[in-house]
N, C-alpha and C. Protein backbone atom coordinates (compact mmCIF):
# COMPACT_ATOMS: atom_id res chain seq x y z
N MET A 1 0.81 -1.14 0.16
CA MET A 1 0.34 0.29 -0.15
C MET A 1 0.91 1.31 0.27
N ALA A 2 0.79 2.02 -0.81
CA ALA A 2 1.58 3.29 -0.68
C ALA A 2 1.10 4.64 -0.10
N LEU A 3 1.77 5.12 0.70
CA LEU A 3 1.29 6.30 1.05
C LEU A 3 0.87 7.54 0.23
N ASP A 4 -0.07 8.03 0.91
CA ASP A 4 -0.61 9.38 0.10
C ASP A 4 0.68 10.43 0.31
N ARG A 5 1.07 10.96 -0.78
CA ARG A 5 2.14 11.70 -1.23
C ARG A 5 1.80 12.95 -1.39
N THR A 6 0.71 13.65 -0.94
CA THR A 6 0.75 14.98 -1.56
C THR A 6 0.99 15.97 -0.78
N TRP A 7 1.56 15.70 0.47
CA TRP A 7 2.26 16.23 1.17
C TRP A 7 3.86 16.56 0.78
N TYR A 8 4.28 15.67 0.11
CA TYR A 8 5.63 15.70 -0.14
C TYR A 8 5.55 16.35 -1.58
N ASN A 9 4.70 16.22 -2.17
CA ASN A 9 4.76 16.92 -3.65
C ASN A 9 4.53 18.42 -3.52
N ALA A 10 4.16 18.78 -2.49
CA ALA A 10 4.07 20.28 -2.32
C ALA A 10 5.36 20.93 -1.34
N LEU A 11 6.37 19.92 -1.41
CA LEU A 11 7.55 20.55 -0.98
C LEU A 11 8.36 21.02 -1.96
N VAL A 12 8.83 22.31 -1.58
CA VAL A 12 10.07 22.65 -2.49
C VAL A 12 11.48 22.56 -2.06
N ASP A 13 12.61 22.42 -2.70
CA ASP A 13 13.79 22.06 -2.84
C ASP A 13 14.52 23.66 -2.21
N ASP A 14 15.12 23.74 -1.17
CA ASP A 14 16.38 25.06 -1.22
C ASP A 14 17.04 24.97 -2.40
N ASP A 15 17.30 25.96 -3.05
CA ASP A 15 18.70 26.21 -3.76
C ASP A 15 19.66 26.17 -3.10
N GLY A 16 19.92 26.05 -2.12
CA GLY A 16 21.34 26.37 -1.77
C GLY A 16 21.11 27.98 -1.04
N SER A 17 20.45 28.64 -1.10
CA SER A 17 20.67 30.41 -0.76
C SER A 17 20.04 30.28 0.30
N ASN A 18 19.18 29.69 0.89
CA ASN A 18 18.48 29.60 1.98
C ASN A 18 17.10 30.61 1.85
N ALA A 19 17.00 31.14 0.56
CA ALA A 19 15.83 32.10 0.21
C ALA A 19 14.86 31.65 -0.06
N VAL A 20 14.81 29.91 -0.85
CA VAL A 20 13.40 29.47 -1.25
C VAL A 20 13.49 28.12 -0.53
N GLY A 21 12.61 27.60 -0.99
CA GLY A 21 12.29 26.10 -0.30
C GLY A 21 11.41 25.97 0.84
N THR A 22 10.61 25.33 1.12
CA THR A 22 9.49 24.63 2.27
C THR A 22 10.34 24.90 3.36
N VAL A 23 9.58 25.63 4.51
CA VAL A 23 9.84 25.60 5.72
C VAL A 23 9.21 24.81 6.78
N TRP A 24 9.60 23.82 7.46
CA TRP A 24 9.23 22.92 8.18
C TRP A 24 8.84 23.59 9.49
N GLY A 25 7.42 23.45 10.08
CA GLY A 25 7.10 23.58 11.42
C GLY A 25 6.80 22.53 12.00
N LYS A 26 6.28 22.97 13.40
CA LYS A 26 5.48 21.37 14.18
C LYS A 26 4.28 21.03 13.27
N ASP A 27 3.52 22.14 13.00
CA ASP A 27 2.35 21.70 12.51
C ASP A 27 2.53 20.99 11.30
N ASP A 28 3.56 21.27 10.20
CA ASP A 28 3.72 20.31 9.02
C ASP A 28 4.22 19.14 9.17
N ILE A 29 5.19 19.17 10.44
CA ILE A 29 5.20 17.41 10.69
C ILE A 29 4.32 16.76 11.13
N LYS A 30 3.32 17.13 12.08
CA LYS A 30 1.91 16.70 12.65
C LYS A 30 1.24 16.21 11.38
N ASN A 31 1.33 17.00 10.32
CA ASN A 31 -0.02 16.67 9.43
C ASN A 31 0.59 15.60 8.43
N LEU A 32 2.14 15.58 8.30
CA LEU A 32 2.71 14.47 7.96
C LEU A 32 2.45 13.33 8.58
N LEU A 33 2.42 13.50 9.91
CA LEU A 33 2.37 12.08 10.47
C LEU A 33 1.02 11.58 10.80
N ASP A 34 -0.02 12.52 10.77
CA ASP A 34 -1.63 12.29 10.54
C ASP A 34 -1.87 11.39 9.34
N SER A 35 -1.28 11.69 8.21
CA SER A 35 -1.54 11.02 6.65
C SER A 35 -0.99 9.81 7.03
N VAL A 36 0.30 9.47 7.65
CA VAL A 36 0.88 8.33 7.46
C VAL A 36 0.08 7.54 8.65
N ASP A 37 -0.39 7.85 9.74
CA ASP A 37 -1.30 7.20 10.79
C ASP A 37 -2.71 6.71 10.29
N ALA A 38 -3.12 7.64 9.05
CA ALA A 38 -4.27 7.55 8.31
C ALA A 38 -4.23 6.10 7.54
N GLU A 39 -3.11 6.30 6.62
CA GLU A 39 -3.00 5.04 5.80
C GLU A 39 -2.52 3.62 6.66
N ILE A 40 -2.29 3.73 7.51
CA ILE A 40 -1.74 2.75 8.45
C ILE A 40 -3.10 2.12 9.27
N ALA A 41 -3.76 2.91 9.71
CA ALA A 41 -5.00 2.68 10.07
C ALA A 41 -6.10 2.00 9.11
N ARG A 42 -6.26 2.33 7.67
CA ARG A 42 -6.83 1.98 6.29
C ARG A 42 -6.11 0.23 6.46
N GLY A 43 -5.00 0.44 6.33
CA GLY A 43 -4.48 -1.21 6.18
C GLY A 43 -4.85 -2.00 7.36
N ASP A 44 -4.71 -1.58 8.38
CA ASP A 44 -4.97 -2.82 9.45
C ASP A 44 -6.49 -2.85 9.75
N GLN A 45 -7.74 -1.78 9.40
CA GLN A 45 -8.79 -2.23 9.11
C GLN A 45 -8.95 -3.21 8.16
N ALA A 46 -8.53 -2.84 6.74
CA ALA A 46 -8.65 -4.23 5.95
C ALA A 46 -8.01 -5.53 6.29
N ARG A 47 -7.02 -5.42 7.17
CA ARG A 47 -6.41 -6.99 7.41
C ARG A 47 -7.49 -7.50 8.58
N GLN A 48 -8.04 -6.72 9.48
CA GLN A 48 -9.01 -6.96 10.70
C GLN A 48 -10.29 -7.82 9.97
N TYR A 49 -10.69 -7.55 9.00
CA TYR A 49 -12.14 -7.91 8.62
C TYR A 49 -11.91 -9.51 8.15
N ALA A 50 -12.18 -10.37 9.11
CA ALA A 50 -11.91 -11.46 9.24
C ALA A 50 -12.71 -12.54 10.21
N CYS A 51 -13.14 -13.59 10.08
CA CYS A 51 -13.92 -14.37 11.12
C CYS A 51 -13.61 -15.82 10.83
N ALA A 52 -13.60 -16.60 12.01
CA ALA A 52 -13.50 -18.01 11.73
C ALA A 52 -14.69 -18.32 12.99
N LEU A 53 -15.48 -19.53 12.20
CA LEU A 53 -17.17 -19.98 13.31
C LEU A 53 -16.79 -21.15 13.09
N TRP A 54 -17.64 -21.93 13.88
CA TRP A 54 -18.05 -23.42 13.47
C TRP A 54 -19.22 -23.65 14.48
N ASN A 55 -20.28 -24.93 14.00
CA ASN A 55 -21.28 -25.00 14.94
C ASN A 55 -20.76 -25.69 16.11
N SER A 56 -21.63 -25.09 17.10
CA SER A 56 -21.46 -25.46 18.93
C SER A 56 -22.21 -26.27 18.85
N VAL A 57 -23.37 -26.86 18.42
CA VAL A 57 -24.30 -27.91 18.85
C VAL A 57 -24.55 -28.65 17.76
N SER A 58 -25.00 -29.50 17.69
CA SER A 58 -25.61 -30.59 16.59
C SER A 58 -26.35 -29.88 15.78
N PHE A 59 -26.08 -30.35 14.34
CA PHE A 59 -26.84 -29.64 13.40
C PHE A 59 -27.69 -30.58 12.51
N SER A 60 -29.05 -30.75 12.50
CA SER A 60 -29.80 -31.92 12.00
C SER A 60 -30.89 -31.32 10.93
N TRP A 61 -30.90 -31.94 9.73
CA TRP A 61 -32.06 -31.44 9.00
C TRP A 61 -32.52 -33.02 7.71
N GLY A 62 -33.58 -32.69 7.37
CA GLY A 62 -34.30 -33.67 6.51
C GLY A 62 -33.33 -33.80 5.07
N PRO A 63 -33.89 -35.10 4.37
CA PRO A 63 -33.09 -35.15 3.11
C PRO A 63 -33.87 -34.63 1.90
N SER A 64 -32.68 -34.28 0.99
CA SER A 64 -33.35 -33.38 -0.32
C SER A 64 -33.35 -32.09 -0.04
N VAL A 65 -33.18 -31.52 1.24
CA VAL A 65 -33.13 -30.08 0.95
C VAL A 65 -31.96 -29.48 1.16
N TRP A 66 -31.91 -28.06 0.90
CA TRP A 66 -30.74 -26.90 1.40
C TRP A 66 -31.16 -26.70 2.69
N ALA A 67 -30.28 -26.77 3.79
CA ALA A 67 -30.46 -26.09 5.15
C ALA A 67 -29.17 -25.18 5.30
N LYS A 68 -29.63 -24.14 6.05
CA LYS A 68 -28.28 -23.02 6.30
C LYS A 68 -27.68 -23.42 7.59
N VAL A 69 -26.47 -23.41 7.60
CA VAL A 69 -26.05 -23.49 9.05
C VAL A 69 -26.01 -22.55 9.96
N GLN A 70 -26.45 -22.87 11.43
CA GLN A 70 -26.24 -22.24 12.65
C GLN A 70 -24.80 -21.99 12.84
N PHE A 71 -24.13 -21.18 13.07
CA PHE A 71 -22.40 -20.80 13.94
C PHE A 71 -22.82 -20.43 15.18
N GLY A 72 -22.77 -21.27 16.06
CA GLY A 72 -23.15 -20.58 17.31
C GLY A 72 -21.42 -20.15 18.08
N THR A 73 -20.34 -20.69 17.49
CA THR A 73 -19.03 -20.77 18.27
C THR A 73 -17.82 -19.33 17.02
N GLU A 74 -17.66 -18.30 17.77
CA GLU A 74 -16.43 -17.49 17.04
C GLU A 74 -15.32 -17.99 17.57
N GLY A 75 -14.33 -18.24 16.42
CA GLY A 75 -13.19 -18.55 16.86
C GLY A 75 -12.35 -17.22 17.01
N PHE A 76 -12.81 -16.18 15.93
CA PHE A 76 -11.92 -15.18 16.03
C PHE A 76 -12.74 -14.26 15.03
N ASP A 77 -13.38 -13.02 15.57
CA ASP A 77 -14.28 -12.07 14.41
C ASP A 77 -14.13 -10.63 15.37
N PRO A 78 -13.23 -9.78 15.08
CA PRO A 78 -12.59 -8.74 15.71
C PRO A 78 -13.77 -7.73 15.34
N MET A 79 -14.22 -7.90 14.22
CA MET A 79 -15.02 -7.01 13.31
C MET A 79 -16.27 -7.38 13.50
N SER A 80 -16.56 -8.06 14.20
CA SER A 80 -18.32 -8.49 14.52
C SER A 80 -18.95 -8.81 13.09
N MET A 81 -17.90 -9.42 12.34
CA MET A 81 -18.65 -9.83 10.96
C MET A 81 -19.83 -11.17 10.94
N HIS A 82 -19.78 -11.95 12.09
CA HIS A 82 -20.97 -12.91 12.37
C HIS A 82 -22.30 -12.10 12.77
N ALA A 83 -23.11 -12.39 11.93
CA ALA A 83 -24.70 -11.97 12.43
C ALA A 83 -25.12 -12.57 13.78
N ALA A 84 -26.14 -11.67 14.24
CA ALA A 84 -26.67 -12.14 15.52
C ALA A 84 -27.65 -13.55 15.31
N ASN A 85 -27.88 -13.81 13.91
CA ASN A 85 -28.80 -14.65 13.59
C ASN A 85 -28.32 -16.00 13.72
N ASP A 86 -27.11 -15.96 13.87
CA ASP A 86 -25.79 -17.40 13.79
C ASP A 86 -25.87 -17.96 12.27
N THR A 87 -26.53 -17.51 11.23
CA THR A 87 -26.67 -18.27 10.16
C THR A 87 -25.94 -17.06 8.94
N GLU A 88 -25.47 -15.86 9.39
CA GLU A 88 -24.66 -15.20 8.03
C GLU A 88 -23.49 -14.65 8.84
N ILE A 89 -22.77 -13.91 7.87
CA ILE A 89 -21.33 -13.66 8.01
C ILE A 89 -21.92 -12.39 7.21
N TRP A 90 -21.61 -11.08 8.04
CA TRP A 90 -21.44 -9.80 6.92
C TRP A 90 -20.33 -9.25 6.36
N MET A 91 -20.52 -9.11 5.12
CA MET A 91 -19.13 -9.11 4.56
C MET A 91 -19.11 -7.32 4.14
N PRO A 92 -18.36 -6.48 4.33
CA PRO A 92 -18.84 -5.25 4.68
C PRO A 92 -18.77 -4.43 3.29
N GLY A 93 -17.58 -5.11 2.49
CA GLY A 93 -17.87 -4.68 1.07
C GLY A 93 -16.89 -3.25 1.05
N PRO A 94 -16.74 -2.61 -0.05
CA PRO A 94 -16.15 -3.40 -1.07
C PRO A 94 -14.62 -3.98 -1.02
N GLY A 95 -14.65 -5.52 -1.48
CA GLY A 95 -13.45 -5.89 -1.23
C GLY A 95 -13.61 -7.40 -2.20
N ALA A 96 -12.23 -7.89 -1.90
CA ALA A 96 -12.23 -9.44 -2.17
C ALA A 96 -11.93 -10.09 -1.11
N TYR A 97 -12.90 -11.16 -0.95
CA TYR A 97 -12.73 -12.08 0.47
C TYR A 97 -12.56 -13.53 0.20
N ASP A 98 -11.41 -14.22 1.02
CA ASP A 98 -10.98 -15.60 0.60
C ASP A 98 -12.11 -16.16 1.61
N ILE A 99 -12.70 -17.05 1.14
CA ILE A 99 -13.89 -18.05 1.90
C ILE A 99 -13.56 -19.61 1.60
N ARG A 100 -13.33 -19.96 3.10
CA ARG A 100 -13.24 -21.46 2.98
C ARG A 100 -14.03 -22.17 4.21
N ALA A 101 -14.91 -23.21 3.51
CA ALA A 101 -15.58 -23.74 4.69
C ALA A 101 -15.42 -25.16 4.25
N GLN A 102 -15.70 -25.98 5.57
CA GLN A 102 -15.34 -27.57 5.44
C GLN A 102 -16.49 -28.21 6.60
N VAL A 103 -16.80 -29.51 6.00
CA VAL A 103 -17.76 -30.30 6.74
C VAL A 103 -17.03 -31.70 7.06
N THR A 104 -17.20 -32.32 7.99
CA THR A 104 -17.14 -33.72 8.39
C THR A 104 -18.33 -34.44 8.22
N TRP A 105 -18.34 -35.33 7.06
CA TRP A 105 -19.84 -35.99 7.33
C TRP A 105 -19.60 -37.33 8.16
N PRO A 106 -20.36 -37.87 8.55
CA PRO A 106 -20.36 -39.13 9.12
C PRO A 106 -20.65 -40.35 8.27
N GLU A 107 -20.02 -41.14 8.42
CA GLU A 107 -19.83 -42.51 7.62
C GLU A 107 -21.45 -42.57 7.45
N ASN A 108 -21.43 -43.17 5.84
CA ASN A 108 -22.85 -43.21 5.43
C ASN A 108 -22.36 -43.94 4.18
N ASN A 109 -23.15 -44.62 3.24
CA ASN A 109 -22.59 -44.72 1.92
C ASN A 109 -24.31 -44.54 0.85
N VAL A 110 -25.13 -43.56 1.67
CA VAL A 110 -26.33 -43.48 0.58
C VAL A 110 -26.26 -42.36 0.43
N GLY A 111 -26.71 -41.94 -0.86
CA GLY A 111 -26.97 -40.50 -1.39
C GLY A 111 -25.79 -39.70 -1.34
N TRP A 112 -25.98 -38.29 -1.83
CA TRP A 112 -24.77 -37.24 -1.82
C TRP A 112 -25.06 -36.40 -0.80
N ARG A 113 -23.98 -35.81 -0.65
CA ARG A 113 -23.60 -34.78 0.35
C ARG A 113 -23.10 -33.47 -0.44
N GLY A 114 -23.45 -32.27 0.12
CA GLY A 114 -23.24 -31.05 -0.68
C GLY A 114 -23.20 -29.90 0.11
N MET A 115 -22.44 -28.81 -0.58
CA MET A 115 -22.31 -27.53 0.16
C MET A 115 -22.31 -26.43 -0.88
N GLN A 116 -22.90 -25.68 -0.26
CA GLN A 116 -22.81 -24.26 -1.39
C GLN A 116 -23.01 -22.96 -0.39
N LEU A 117 -22.16 -21.86 -0.82
CA LEU A 117 -21.99 -20.71 -0.52
C LEU A 117 -23.42 -19.78 -1.05
N SER A 118 -24.01 -18.87 -0.15
CA SER A 118 -24.97 -18.15 -0.73
C SER A 118 -24.76 -16.54 -0.20
N ILE A 119 -25.03 -15.99 -1.45
CA ILE A 119 -25.12 -14.48 -1.09
C ILE A 119 -26.45 -13.75 -0.75
N ASN A 120 -26.40 -13.14 0.52
CA ASN A 120 -28.18 -12.36 0.56
C ASN A 120 -29.23 -13.07 0.34
N ASP A 121 -28.89 -14.76 0.59
CA ASP A 121 -30.69 -15.42 0.01
C ASP A 121 -30.81 -15.80 -1.00
N ALA A 122 -30.27 -15.09 -1.95
CA ALA A 122 -30.78 -14.85 -3.16
C ALA A 122 -29.77 -15.42 -4.34
N THR A 123 -28.58 -15.04 -4.33
CA THR A 123 -27.80 -15.44 -5.60
C THR A 123 -27.09 -16.48 -4.90
N LEU A 124 -26.90 -18.01 -5.00
CA LEU A 124 -26.27 -18.82 -4.97
C LEU A 124 -25.01 -19.00 -5.88
N MET A 125 -23.94 -18.97 -5.14
CA MET A 125 -22.66 -18.97 -5.85
C MET A 125 -22.52 -20.30 -6.63
N PHE A 126 -22.11 -20.08 -7.92
CA PHE A 126 -21.80 -21.12 -8.71
C PHE A 126 -20.19 -21.48 -8.40
N PRO A 127 -19.83 -22.65 -9.40
CA PRO A 127 -18.50 -23.28 -8.77
C PRO A 127 -17.84 -22.26 -9.28
N PRO A 128 -16.50 -21.90 -7.94
CA PRO A 128 -16.23 -22.80 -6.94
C PRO A 128 -17.09 -23.08 -5.47
N GLY A 129 -18.53 -22.15 -5.87
CA GLY A 129 -18.93 -21.71 -4.37
C GLY A 129 -19.89 -22.50 -4.00
N TYR A 130 -19.88 -23.65 -5.02
CA TYR A 130 -20.70 -25.36 -4.14
C TYR A 130 -19.81 -26.28 -5.04
N SER A 131 -20.17 -27.80 -3.77
CA SER A 131 -19.56 -28.94 -4.57
C SER A 131 -20.80 -29.92 -3.79
N PHE A 132 -20.18 -31.29 -4.60
CA PHE A 132 -20.89 -32.31 -4.12
C PHE A 132 -19.81 -33.85 -3.97
N VAL A 133 -19.86 -34.28 -2.97
CA VAL A 133 -19.24 -35.50 -2.44
C VAL A 133 -20.01 -36.75 -2.53
N ALA A 134 -19.64 -37.82 -2.50
CA ALA A 134 -20.21 -38.99 -1.79
C ALA A 134 -19.71 -39.33 -0.84
N PRO A 135 -20.82 -39.90 -0.20
CA PRO A 135 -20.47 -40.42 1.01
C PRO A 135 -19.67 -41.91 0.91
N VAL A 136 -19.17 -42.06 2.47
CA VAL A 136 -18.33 -43.33 2.12
C VAL A 136 -18.27 -44.21 3.76
N VAL A 137 -18.18 -45.26 3.70
CA VAL A 137 -17.86 -45.95 4.90
C VAL A 137 -16.77 -46.54 5.06
N ASN A 138 -15.98 -46.22 5.93
CA ASN A 138 -14.57 -46.41 5.86
C ASN A 138 -14.21 -47.50 7.50
N GLY A 139 -15.27 -47.80 8.25
CA GLY A 139 -15.07 -48.50 9.38
C GLY A 139 -14.26 -47.61 10.34
N LEU A 140 -14.21 -46.31 10.57
CA LEU A 140 -13.40 -45.52 11.26
C LEU A 140 -14.26 -44.94 11.66
N GLY A 141 -15.48 -44.51 11.67
CA GLY A 141 -16.29 -43.88 12.40
C GLY A 141 -16.34 -42.60 11.80
N VAL A 142 -15.53 -42.22 10.90
CA VAL A 142 -15.46 -40.62 10.25
C VAL A 142 -15.64 -41.07 9.00
N GLY A 143 -16.42 -40.12 8.29
CA GLY A 143 -16.85 -40.46 6.54
C GLY A 143 -16.12 -39.47 6.23
N THR A 144 -16.93 -38.56 5.31
CA THR A 144 -15.97 -37.46 4.21
C THR A 144 -15.54 -36.17 4.72
N LEU A 145 -14.57 -35.96 4.40
CA LEU A 145 -13.95 -34.14 5.01
C LEU A 145 -14.21 -33.70 3.42
N GLN A 146 -15.34 -33.02 3.24
CA GLN A 146 -15.67 -31.96 2.32
C GLN A 146 -14.86 -30.21 2.64
N GLN A 147 -14.22 -30.15 1.67
CA GLN A 147 -13.90 -28.54 1.72
C GLN A 147 -14.40 -27.87 0.59
N LEU A 148 -14.71 -26.60 0.95
CA LEU A 148 -14.89 -25.87 -0.53
C LEU A 148 -14.11 -24.24 -0.09
N SER A 149 -13.30 -24.06 -1.01
CA SER A 149 -12.51 -22.70 -1.28
C SER A 149 -12.49 -21.68 -2.28
N THR A 150 -12.89 -20.49 -2.30
CA THR A 150 -13.08 -19.70 -3.17
C THR A 150 -12.82 -18.13 -2.62
N LEU A 151 -12.43 -17.43 -3.93
CA LEU A 151 -12.46 -16.02 -3.82
C LEU A 151 -13.62 -15.39 -4.53
N TYR A 152 -14.07 -14.19 -3.29
CA TYR A 152 -15.58 -13.69 -4.04
C TYR A 152 -15.24 -12.13 -3.89
N TYR A 153 -15.52 -11.57 -4.59
CA TYR A 153 -15.64 -9.92 -4.75
C TYR A 153 -16.79 -9.46 -4.30
N ALA A 154 -17.17 -8.71 -3.31
CA ALA A 154 -18.09 -8.12 -2.89
C ALA A 154 -18.16 -6.59 -3.28
N PRO A 155 -18.94 -6.30 -4.11
CA PRO A 155 -18.96 -4.93 -4.29
C PRO A 155 -19.51 -3.95 -3.36
N THR A 156 -20.72 -4.30 -2.50
CA THR A 156 -21.22 -3.59 -1.75
C THR A 156 -21.48 -4.52 -0.34
N MET A 157 -22.07 -3.97 0.47
CA MET A 157 -22.35 -4.81 1.69
C MET A 157 -22.91 -5.94 1.56
N GLN A 158 -23.01 -7.33 1.92
CA GLN A 158 -23.54 -8.45 1.53
C GLN A 158 -23.65 -9.35 2.74
N ARG A 159 -24.93 -10.48 2.81
CA ARG A 159 -24.59 -11.43 3.29
C ARG A 159 -24.11 -12.64 3.04
N LEU A 160 -23.29 -13.17 3.77
CA LEU A 160 -22.75 -14.71 3.19
C LEU A 160 -23.28 -15.73 4.07
N SER A 161 -23.86 -16.97 3.41
CA SER A 161 -24.02 -17.95 4.72
C SER A 161 -23.52 -19.49 4.09
N LEU A 162 -23.80 -20.31 4.57
CA LEU A 162 -23.26 -21.74 4.21
C LEU A 162 -24.72 -22.53 4.48
N GLN A 163 -24.70 -23.38 3.24
CA GLN A 163 -25.91 -24.64 3.14
C GLN A 163 -25.16 -25.58 2.73
N LEU A 164 -26.06 -26.78 3.53
CA LEU A 164 -25.78 -28.16 3.57
C LEU A 164 -26.74 -28.98 2.62
N TYR A 165 -26.49 -29.79 2.07
CA TYR A 165 -27.69 -30.91 1.24
C TYR A 165 -26.98 -32.18 1.51
N GLN A 166 -28.22 -32.90 1.62
CA GLN A 166 -27.89 -34.60 1.65
C GLN A 166 -28.96 -35.04 1.28
N SER A 167 -28.54 -36.23 0.55
CA SER A 167 -29.99 -36.95 0.22
C SER A 167 -29.94 -38.70 0.40
N SER A 168 -29.82 -38.63 1.46
CA SER A 168 -29.48 -40.28 2.25
C SER A 168 -30.75 -40.71 2.62
N GLY A 169 -31.92 -39.96 2.29
CA GLY A 169 -33.12 -40.68 2.51
C GLY A 169 -33.80 -40.35 4.00
N ALA A 170 -32.96 -39.96 4.95
CA ALA A 170 -33.42 -39.75 6.32
C ALA A 170 -32.40 -38.53 6.75
N ALA A 171 -33.06 -37.88 8.03
CA ALA A 171 -32.59 -36.87 8.82
C ALA A 171 -30.84 -37.10 8.92
N GLN A 172 -30.27 -36.03 8.86
CA GLN A 172 -28.68 -36.27 8.75
C GLN A 172 -28.44 -35.24 10.14
N ASN A 173 -27.58 -35.80 10.81
CA ASN A 173 -27.32 -35.35 12.19
C ASN A 173 -25.39 -35.18 12.28
N LEU A 174 -24.83 -33.60 12.28
CA LEU A 174 -23.94 -33.77 12.34
C LEU A 174 -23.48 -33.03 13.62
N ILE A 175 -22.38 -33.48 14.07
CA ILE A 175 -21.85 -33.43 15.57
C ILE A 175 -21.14 -31.95 15.73
N ALA A 176 -21.40 -31.21 16.80
CA ALA A 176 -20.96 -29.76 17.31
C ALA A 176 -19.57 -29.94 16.78
N GLY A 177 -18.89 -28.93 16.01
CA GLY A 177 -17.71 -29.17 15.76
C GLY A 177 -17.41 -29.76 14.42
N ALA A 178 -18.02 -30.13 13.61
CA ALA A 178 -18.27 -30.89 12.31
C ALA A 178 -18.17 -29.63 11.21
N ILE A 179 -18.70 -28.73 11.14
CA ILE A 179 -18.85 -27.54 10.17
C ILE A 179 -18.20 -26.38 10.89
N ALA A 180 -17.40 -25.97 9.69
CA ALA A 180 -16.69 -25.06 9.86
C ALA A 180 -16.09 -23.76 8.79
N ILE A 181 -16.29 -22.36 9.18
CA ILE A 181 -16.13 -21.31 7.62
C ILE A 181 -15.08 -20.42 8.38
N GLY A 182 -14.26 -20.09 7.40
CA GLY A 182 -13.43 -18.86 7.39
C GLY A 182 -13.58 -17.67 6.45
N VAL A 183 -13.70 -16.41 7.01
CA VAL A 183 -13.73 -15.38 5.57
C VAL A 183 -12.64 -14.42 6.01
N HIS A 184 -12.24 -14.05 5.24
CA HIS A 184 -11.21 -13.18 5.51
C HIS A 184 -10.79 -11.83 4.33
N ARG A 185 -10.98 -10.81 4.21
CA ARG A 185 -11.22 -9.74 3.25
C ARG A 185 -9.56 -9.27 3.18
N ILE A 186 -9.01 -9.93 1.83
CA ILE A 186 -7.81 -9.66 1.33
C ILE A 186 -7.13 -8.44 0.74
N TYR A 187 -8.63 -7.60 0.53
CA TYR A 187 -7.82 -6.23 0.00
C TYR A 187 -9.66 -5.09 -0.10
């Protein structure tokens, strides 16, 4: 990030005669430091828009429907991006966001499992904003780890949510901590 050089461009060099050139006073130096502080604050603010969330209780829903995940635990959220309703993340926009989600599905060999990112409950993100996996039974007690990672540009403030799908023919139950999402504004 480049600093604002308006103050620098206004300086006039002394030609050696001590008759021309910019005279520096305390107020001039204060203005220079204020502009540097403002640039640093803008950079710090961009870096702080990040959150890491996961489900704190079991999450259960029926087959063949998309269900919006409730995130009850915040591991990191300094700018309060996690909405009070537990199902949404507020991206303050404008900016590019790195979004990473994962689900650990239980062992099962019936149907399909899916996850997708939703913007403002209306616009569903197309690949790589959604993916499907086949469930597995491996005898280890843990089924499929599904991950989703994408970059998304939000031109304005937008609401992000994660939705899950399963077609096992019965209700699906994911234990606490099986679903996680991280969102970070990269610029």
